[in-house]
């Protein structure tokens, strides 16, 4: 049984993905990047696809279609990917070494320890604690 009970993703064929026009896909893609890269909305543990759709004045089906087409993943996976990438830096940044793994998880938007560890393991193949230790062991001692 895999660690953290991670199951492989199933491929779905949603017909509505083919019905959305390319200009709308491009526009929503840019707006989604704005919300995630610039505004860092993924840090809010309560920020949902529904809220994103509301902010972008569209519906969740279009949000889902764009994320599937452009990012090749679902909304939750996308949010978790951004959170984990930020956590990777914070786990080894000297300014955050006094922070616990749970505190860093909360800083990047995870609501609980279990979801952070599962998402981290899915993306990196190790736990946050193992990652932090391995990376810090590589750094030269001062």
N, C-alpha and C. Protein backbone atom coordinates (compact mmCIF):
# COMPACT_ATOMS: atom_id res chain seq x y z
N UNK A 1 0.84 -1.18 0.00
CA UNK A 1 0.00 0.00 0.00
C UNK A 1 0.89 1.24 0.00
N UNK A 2 0.62 2.19 -0.89
CA UNK A 2 1.47 3.37 -0.97
C UNK A 2 1.36 4.24 0.29
N UNK A 3 2.43 4.95 0.57
CA UNK A 3 2.46 5.86 1.70
C UNK A 3 1.43 6.97 1.49
N UNK A 4 0.75 7.34 2.56
CA UNK A 4 -0.27 8.40 2.54
C UNK A 4 -1.48 8.05 1.68
N UNK A 5 -1.64 6.76 1.34
CA UNK A 5 -2.82 6.29 0.61
C UNK A 5 -3.07 7.11 -0.66
N UNK A 6 -2.02 7.35 -1.43
CA UNK A 6 -2.11 8.13 -2.66
C UNK A 6 -2.53 7.21 -3.80
N UNK A 7 -3.60 7.57 -4.46
CA UNK A 7 -4.08 6.77 -5.59
C UNK A 7 -3.78 7.50 -6.89
N UNK A 8 -3.52 6.76 -7.94
CA UNK A 8 -3.24 7.41 -9.23
C UNK A 8 -4.46 8.15 -9.76
N UNK A 9 -4.20 9.22 -10.50
CA UNK A 9 -5.30 10.00 -11.10
C UNK A 9 -5.90 9.26 -12.27
N UNK A 10 -7.20 9.40 -12.40
CA UNK A 10 -7.90 8.81 -13.54
C UNK A 10 -8.09 9.89 -14.59
N UNK A 11 -7.90 9.50 -15.83
CA UNK A 11 -8.13 10.43 -16.94
C UNK A 11 -9.62 10.45 -17.27
N UNK A 12 -10.16 11.65 -17.39
CA UNK A 12 -11.57 11.80 -17.76
C UNK A 12 -11.65 12.54 -19.07
N UNK A 13 -12.71 12.28 -19.79
CA UNK A 13 -12.92 12.98 -21.05
C UNK A 13 -14.19 13.81 -20.92
N UNK A 14 -14.03 15.09 -20.59
CA UNK A 14 -15.18 15.97 -20.42
C UNK A 14 -15.42 16.73 -21.72
N UNK A 15 -16.60 16.59 -22.27
CA UNK A 15 -16.90 17.21 -23.57
C UNK A 15 -16.91 18.74 -23.49
N UNK A 16 -17.25 19.30 -22.32
CA UNK A 16 -17.29 20.75 -22.23
C UNK A 16 -15.93 21.40 -22.45
N UNK A 17 -14.85 20.65 -22.25
CA UNK A 17 -13.50 21.19 -22.49
C UNK A 17 -13.32 21.57 -23.96
N UNK A 18 -13.97 20.84 -24.84
CA UNK A 18 -13.84 21.11 -26.27
C UNK A 18 -14.75 22.24 -26.73
N UNK A 19 -15.72 22.59 -25.92
CA UNK A 19 -16.69 23.61 -26.31
C UNK A 19 -16.25 25.03 -25.97
N UNK A 20 -15.28 25.18 -25.10
CA UNK A 20 -14.80 26.49 -24.69
C UNK A 20 -13.87 27.06 -25.78
N UNK A 21 -14.09 28.31 -26.17
CA UNK A 21 -13.28 28.86 -27.27
C UNK A 21 -11.87 29.24 -26.79
N UNK A 22 -10.94 29.24 -27.70
CA UNK A 22 -9.53 29.42 -27.35
C UNK A 22 -9.22 30.80 -26.78
N UNK A 23 -9.94 31.84 -27.23
CA UNK A 23 -9.72 33.18 -26.69
C UNK A 23 -10.09 33.23 -25.21
N UNK A 24 -11.20 32.58 -24.86
CA UNK A 24 -11.63 32.54 -23.46
C UNK A 24 -10.64 31.73 -22.63
N UNK A 25 -10.15 30.64 -23.19
CA UNK A 25 -9.14 29.83 -22.49
C UNK A 25 -7.91 30.67 -22.20
N UNK A 26 -7.41 31.39 -23.21
CA UNK A 26 -6.23 32.24 -23.03
C UNK A 26 -6.46 33.32 -21.98
N UNK A 27 -7.62 33.96 -22.05
CA UNK A 27 -7.96 35.03 -21.11
C UNK A 27 -8.04 34.50 -19.68
N UNK A 28 -8.75 33.41 -19.50
CA UNK A 28 -8.88 32.84 -18.15
C UNK A 28 -7.55 32.30 -17.63
N UNK A 29 -6.75 31.74 -18.50
CA UNK A 29 -5.42 31.25 -18.11
C UNK A 29 -4.59 32.39 -17.53
N UNK A 30 -4.56 33.51 -18.23
CA UNK A 30 -3.81 34.68 -17.75
C UNK A 30 -4.35 35.18 -16.41
N UNK A 31 -5.65 35.20 -16.27
CA UNK A 31 -6.27 35.67 -15.02
C UNK A 31 -6.01 34.70 -13.86
N UNK A 32 -6.01 33.42 -14.15
CA UNK A 32 -5.71 32.43 -13.11
C UNK A 32 -4.26 32.59 -12.66
N UNK A 33 -3.35 32.76 -13.61
CA UNK A 33 -1.94 33.01 -13.25
C UNK A 33 -1.81 34.26 -12.39
N UNK A 34 -2.55 35.30 -12.73
CA UNK A 34 -2.53 36.54 -11.95
C UNK A 34 -2.94 36.26 -10.50
N UNK A 35 -4.00 35.50 -10.33
CA UNK A 35 -4.50 35.20 -8.98
C UNK A 35 -3.51 34.34 -8.19
N UNK A 36 -2.83 33.42 -8.88
CA UNK A 36 -1.94 32.50 -8.17
C UNK A 36 -0.51 33.03 -8.04
N UNK A 37 0.05 33.54 -9.12
CA UNK A 37 1.45 33.96 -9.09
C UNK A 37 1.61 35.33 -8.44
N UNK A 38 0.78 36.28 -8.82
CA UNK A 38 0.93 37.64 -8.31
C UNK A 38 0.23 37.83 -6.97
N UNK A 39 -1.04 37.46 -6.91
CA UNK A 39 -1.82 37.69 -5.70
C UNK A 39 -1.65 36.58 -4.65
N UNK A 40 -1.10 35.45 -5.05
CA UNK A 40 -0.85 34.31 -4.16
C UNK A 40 -2.10 33.89 -3.38
N UNK A 41 -3.21 33.79 -4.10
CA UNK A 41 -4.47 33.40 -3.48
C UNK A 41 -4.44 31.99 -2.91
N UNK A 42 -3.52 31.15 -3.39
CA UNK A 42 -3.42 29.77 -2.89
C UNK A 42 -3.09 29.72 -1.40
N UNK A 43 -2.56 30.81 -0.85
CA UNK A 43 -2.23 30.84 0.57
C UNK A 43 -3.47 30.84 1.46
N UNK A 44 -4.60 31.20 0.90
CA UNK A 44 -5.85 31.20 1.66
C UNK A 44 -6.42 29.79 1.66
N UNK A 45 -6.47 29.13 2.83
CA UNK A 45 -6.96 27.75 2.86
C UNK A 45 -8.42 27.61 2.43
N UNK A 46 -9.17 28.70 2.45
CA UNK A 46 -10.59 28.66 2.08
C UNK A 46 -10.85 29.11 0.65
N UNK A 47 -9.80 29.41 -0.11
CA UNK A 47 -9.97 29.89 -1.48
C UNK A 47 -10.30 28.70 -2.37
N UNK A 48 -11.49 28.69 -2.91
CA UNK A 48 -11.98 27.55 -3.69
C UNK A 48 -12.10 27.88 -5.17
N UNK A 49 -12.36 26.86 -5.96
CA UNK A 49 -12.60 27.07 -7.39
C UNK A 49 -13.83 27.95 -7.57
N UNK A 50 -14.78 27.80 -6.69
CA UNK A 50 -16.00 28.63 -6.75
C UNK A 50 -15.66 30.10 -6.52
N UNK A 51 -14.79 30.36 -5.54
CA UNK A 51 -14.37 31.74 -5.26
C UNK A 51 -13.55 32.30 -6.42
N UNK A 52 -12.66 31.48 -7.00
CA UNK A 52 -11.87 31.89 -8.15
C UNK A 52 -12.79 32.25 -9.31
N UNK A 53 -13.77 31.41 -9.57
CA UNK A 53 -14.72 31.68 -10.65
C UNK A 53 -15.47 32.99 -10.39
N UNK A 54 -15.86 33.21 -9.15
CA UNK A 54 -16.55 34.46 -8.80
C UNK A 54 -15.64 35.66 -9.04
N UNK A 55 -14.38 35.57 -8.59
CA UNK A 55 -13.42 36.66 -8.77
C UNK A 55 -13.16 36.96 -10.25
N UNK A 56 -13.21 35.93 -11.08
CA UNK A 56 -12.94 36.10 -12.51
C UNK A 56 -14.21 36.29 -13.33
N UNK A 57 -15.33 36.37 -12.63
CA UNK A 57 -16.63 36.59 -13.25
C UNK A 57 -16.94 35.56 -14.33
N UNK A 58 -16.76 34.29 -13.95
CA UNK A 58 -17.07 33.17 -14.83
C UNK A 58 -17.68 32.06 -13.99
N UNK A 59 -17.72 30.86 -14.52
CA UNK A 59 -18.27 29.75 -13.74
C UNK A 59 -17.20 28.68 -13.50
N UNK A 60 -17.49 27.78 -12.58
CA UNK A 60 -16.51 26.77 -12.19
C UNK A 60 -16.21 25.78 -13.31
N UNK A 61 -17.15 25.56 -14.20
CA UNK A 61 -16.89 24.65 -15.33
C UNK A 61 -15.79 25.21 -16.22
N UNK A 62 -15.84 26.49 -16.49
CA UNK A 62 -14.79 27.12 -17.32
C UNK A 62 -13.45 27.10 -16.59
N UNK A 63 -13.48 27.39 -15.29
CA UNK A 63 -12.25 27.35 -14.50
C UNK A 63 -11.65 25.94 -14.57
N UNK A 64 -12.48 24.96 -14.36
CA UNK A 64 -12.04 23.57 -14.41
C UNK A 64 -11.48 23.21 -15.78
N UNK A 65 -12.17 23.63 -16.83
CA UNK A 65 -11.72 23.32 -18.20
C UNK A 65 -10.36 23.94 -18.48
N UNK A 66 -10.18 25.20 -18.11
CA UNK A 66 -8.91 25.89 -18.36
C UNK A 66 -7.78 25.25 -17.57
N UNK A 67 -8.04 24.94 -16.32
CA UNK A 67 -7.00 24.31 -15.49
C UNK A 67 -6.64 22.94 -16.07
N UNK A 68 -7.63 22.19 -16.51
CA UNK A 68 -7.36 20.89 -17.12
C UNK A 68 -6.60 21.02 -18.42
N UNK A 69 -7.00 21.97 -19.27
CA UNK A 69 -6.36 22.14 -20.58
C UNK A 69 -4.95 22.71 -20.47
N UNK A 70 -4.78 23.75 -19.66
CA UNK A 70 -3.50 24.45 -19.62
C UNK A 70 -2.51 23.91 -18.59
N UNK A 71 -3.02 23.43 -17.46
CA UNK A 71 -2.13 22.95 -16.40
C UNK A 71 -2.09 21.42 -16.32
N UNK A 72 -2.97 20.75 -17.06
CA UNK A 72 -3.09 19.30 -17.05
C UNK A 72 -3.28 18.72 -15.65
N UNK A 73 -4.10 19.38 -14.87
CA UNK A 73 -4.44 18.90 -13.53
C UNK A 73 -5.76 19.51 -13.08
N UNK A 74 -6.21 19.13 -11.89
CA UNK A 74 -7.44 19.71 -11.38
C UNK A 74 -7.12 20.89 -10.46
N UNK A 75 -8.16 21.58 -10.00
CA UNK A 75 -7.96 22.78 -9.19
C UNK A 75 -7.17 22.48 -7.92
N UNK A 76 -7.55 21.44 -7.21
CA UNK A 76 -6.88 21.11 -5.94
C UNK A 76 -5.41 20.81 -6.16
N UNK A 77 -5.10 20.05 -7.19
CA UNK A 77 -3.70 19.73 -7.48
C UNK A 77 -2.90 20.99 -7.82
N UNK A 78 -3.52 21.89 -8.56
CA UNK A 78 -2.85 23.14 -8.92
C UNK A 78 -2.54 23.98 -7.67
N UNK A 79 -3.54 24.14 -6.83
CA UNK A 79 -3.36 24.91 -5.59
C UNK A 79 -2.27 24.27 -4.74
N UNK A 80 -2.34 22.95 -4.57
CA UNK A 80 -1.34 22.27 -3.75
C UNK A 80 0.06 22.36 -4.34
N UNK A 81 0.17 22.35 -5.66
CA UNK A 81 1.48 22.49 -6.29
C UNK A 81 2.11 23.85 -5.95
N UNK A 82 1.32 24.91 -6.06
CA UNK A 82 1.83 26.24 -5.70
C UNK A 82 2.21 26.31 -4.23
N UNK A 83 1.39 25.72 -3.38
CA UNK A 83 1.68 25.72 -1.94
C UNK A 83 2.96 24.96 -1.64
N UNK A 84 3.13 23.80 -2.25
CA UNK A 84 4.32 22.98 -1.99
C UNK A 84 5.57 23.68 -2.51
N UNK A 85 5.49 24.30 -3.67
CA UNK A 85 6.67 25.01 -4.20
C UNK A 85 7.10 26.13 -3.25
N UNK A 86 6.14 26.83 -2.68
CA UNK A 86 6.52 27.87 -1.70
C UNK A 86 7.07 27.23 -0.43
N UNK A 87 6.48 26.14 0.00
CA UNK A 87 6.95 25.45 1.20
C UNK A 87 8.39 24.95 1.03
N UNK A 88 8.74 24.51 -0.18
CA UNK A 88 10.11 24.04 -0.43
C UNK A 88 11.13 25.11 -0.06
N UNK A 89 10.85 26.34 -0.42
CA UNK A 89 11.76 27.44 -0.10
C UNK A 89 11.75 27.75 1.39
N UNK A 90 10.58 27.80 1.97
CA UNK A 90 10.46 28.17 3.39
C UNK A 90 11.08 27.11 4.30
N UNK A 91 11.02 25.86 3.91
CA UNK A 91 11.56 24.79 4.75
C UNK A 91 13.07 24.90 4.93
N UNK A 92 13.76 25.48 3.95
CA UNK A 92 15.23 25.56 4.06
C UNK A 92 15.75 26.99 4.16
N UNK A 93 14.87 27.98 4.08
CA UNK A 93 15.28 29.38 4.20
C UNK A 93 15.68 29.66 5.65
N UNK A 94 16.82 30.29 5.82
CA UNK A 94 17.35 30.60 7.16
C UNK A 94 16.35 31.38 8.02
N UNK A 95 15.54 32.23 7.37
CA UNK A 95 14.58 33.05 8.11
C UNK A 95 13.44 32.23 8.72
N UNK A 96 13.25 31.00 8.23
CA UNK A 96 12.13 30.18 8.70
C UNK A 96 12.56 28.91 9.43
N UNK A 97 13.84 28.78 9.73
CA UNK A 97 14.31 27.57 10.38
C UNK A 97 13.74 27.40 11.78
N UNK A 98 13.35 28.49 12.40
CA UNK A 98 12.74 28.40 13.74
C UNK A 98 11.27 28.00 13.68
N UNK A 99 10.70 27.96 12.49
CA UNK A 99 9.29 27.59 12.31
C UNK A 99 9.16 26.08 12.19
N UNK A 100 8.11 25.56 12.78
CA UNK A 100 7.84 24.13 12.66
C UNK A 100 7.28 23.84 11.27
N UNK A 101 7.26 22.59 10.90
CA UNK A 101 6.72 22.19 9.61
C UNK A 101 5.23 22.55 9.55
N UNK A 102 4.52 22.38 10.65
CA UNK A 102 3.10 22.71 10.70
C UNK A 102 2.88 24.22 10.50
N UNK A 103 3.76 25.04 11.08
CA UNK A 103 3.64 26.50 10.90
C UNK A 103 3.87 26.88 9.44
N UNK A 104 4.84 26.26 8.80
CA UNK A 104 5.10 26.53 7.39
C UNK A 104 3.92 26.07 6.54
N UNK A 105 3.36 24.92 6.87
CA UNK A 105 2.17 24.43 6.16
C UNK A 105 1.05 25.46 6.23
N UNK A 106 0.83 26.02 7.40
CA UNK A 106 -0.23 27.03 7.56
C UNK A 106 0.12 28.30 6.79
N UNK A 107 1.39 28.68 6.77
CA UNK A 107 1.82 29.89 6.06
C UNK A 107 1.53 29.80 4.56
N UNK A 108 1.66 28.61 3.99
CA UNK A 108 1.47 28.45 2.56
C UNK A 108 0.04 28.08 2.18
N UNK A 109 -0.83 27.91 3.19
CA UNK A 109 -2.25 27.72 2.90
C UNK A 109 -2.87 26.39 3.23
N UNK A 110 -2.12 25.48 3.82
CA UNK A 110 -2.72 24.19 4.17
C UNK A 110 -3.49 24.31 5.48
N UNK A 111 -4.64 23.69 5.51
CA UNK A 111 -5.50 23.76 6.69
C UNK A 111 -5.12 22.77 7.77
N UNK A 112 -4.42 21.70 7.38
CA UNK A 112 -4.02 20.72 8.39
C UNK A 112 -2.75 20.00 7.97
N UNK A 113 -2.12 19.39 8.95
CA UNK A 113 -0.85 18.71 8.77
C UNK A 113 -0.96 17.55 7.79
N UNK A 114 -2.02 16.76 7.92
CA UNK A 114 -2.18 15.57 7.09
C UNK A 114 -2.26 15.90 5.60
N UNK A 115 -3.04 16.91 5.25
CA UNK A 115 -3.15 17.26 3.82
C UNK A 115 -1.82 17.82 3.30
N UNK A 116 -1.09 18.54 4.13
CA UNK A 116 0.22 19.05 3.73
C UNK A 116 1.18 17.89 3.46
N UNK A 117 1.27 16.96 4.39
CA UNK A 117 2.18 15.84 4.23
C UNK A 117 1.82 15.00 3.00
N UNK A 118 0.53 14.75 2.80
CA UNK A 118 0.11 13.94 1.65
C UNK A 118 0.44 14.64 0.33
N UNK A 119 0.14 15.94 0.24
CA UNK A 119 0.43 16.70 -0.99
C UNK A 119 1.94 16.79 -1.21
N UNK A 120 2.69 17.01 -0.15
CA UNK A 120 4.14 17.12 -0.25
C UNK A 120 4.72 15.80 -0.74
N UNK A 121 4.29 14.71 -0.15
CA UNK A 121 4.80 13.40 -0.53
C UNK A 121 4.44 13.07 -1.98
N UNK A 122 3.24 13.43 -2.39
CA UNK A 122 2.79 13.17 -3.76
C UNK A 122 3.69 13.90 -4.76
N UNK A 123 4.09 15.12 -4.43
CA UNK A 123 4.88 15.94 -5.34
C UNK A 123 6.38 15.65 -5.26
N UNK A 124 6.90 15.41 -4.06
CA UNK A 124 8.34 15.28 -3.88
C UNK A 124 8.83 13.86 -3.59
N UNK A 125 7.93 12.97 -3.19
CA UNK A 125 8.35 11.60 -2.91
C UNK A 125 9.00 11.41 -1.56
N UNK A 126 8.92 12.42 -0.69
CA UNK A 126 9.45 12.32 0.67
C UNK A 126 8.59 13.22 1.56
N UNK A 127 8.78 13.12 2.85
CA UNK A 127 8.02 13.98 3.76
C UNK A 127 8.71 15.34 3.87
N UNK A 128 8.00 16.36 4.34
CA UNK A 128 8.64 17.67 4.52
C UNK A 128 9.82 17.60 5.49
N UNK A 129 9.69 16.80 6.52
CA UNK A 129 10.77 16.66 7.50
C UNK A 129 12.01 16.05 6.84
N UNK A 130 11.81 15.00 6.05
CA UNK A 130 12.92 14.36 5.34
C UNK A 130 13.56 15.33 4.36
N UNK A 131 12.74 16.10 3.65
CA UNK A 131 13.25 17.08 2.69
C UNK A 131 14.09 18.14 3.40
N UNK A 132 13.56 18.69 4.48
CA UNK A 132 14.27 19.74 5.22
C UNK A 132 15.62 19.22 5.70
N UNK A 133 15.62 18.05 6.30
CA UNK A 133 16.86 17.48 6.83
C UNK A 133 17.87 17.25 5.71
N UNK A 134 17.43 16.65 4.60
CA UNK A 134 18.35 16.35 3.49
C UNK A 134 18.93 17.64 2.90
N UNK A 135 18.10 18.67 2.75
CA UNK A 135 18.58 19.92 2.17
C UNK A 135 19.52 20.66 3.12
N UNK A 136 19.20 20.65 4.40
CA UNK A 136 20.05 21.33 5.37
C UNK A 136 21.37 20.60 5.55
N UNK A 137 21.37 19.28 5.42
CA UNK A 137 22.61 18.51 5.51
C UNK A 137 23.55 18.82 4.35
N UNK A 138 22.99 19.23 3.19
CA UNK A 138 23.80 19.57 2.01
C UNK A 138 24.48 20.94 2.15
N UNK A 139 23.88 21.81 2.97
CA UNK A 139 24.40 23.17 3.10
C UNK A 139 25.69 23.16 3.92
N UNK A 140 26.63 24.04 3.54
CA UNK A 140 27.89 24.11 4.32
C UNK A 140 27.61 24.63 5.73
N UNK A 141 28.32 24.08 6.68
CA UNK A 141 28.16 24.48 8.09
C UNK A 141 28.84 25.82 8.32
N UNK A 142 28.20 26.64 9.16
CA UNK A 142 28.78 27.95 9.47
C UNK A 142 29.42 27.95 10.82
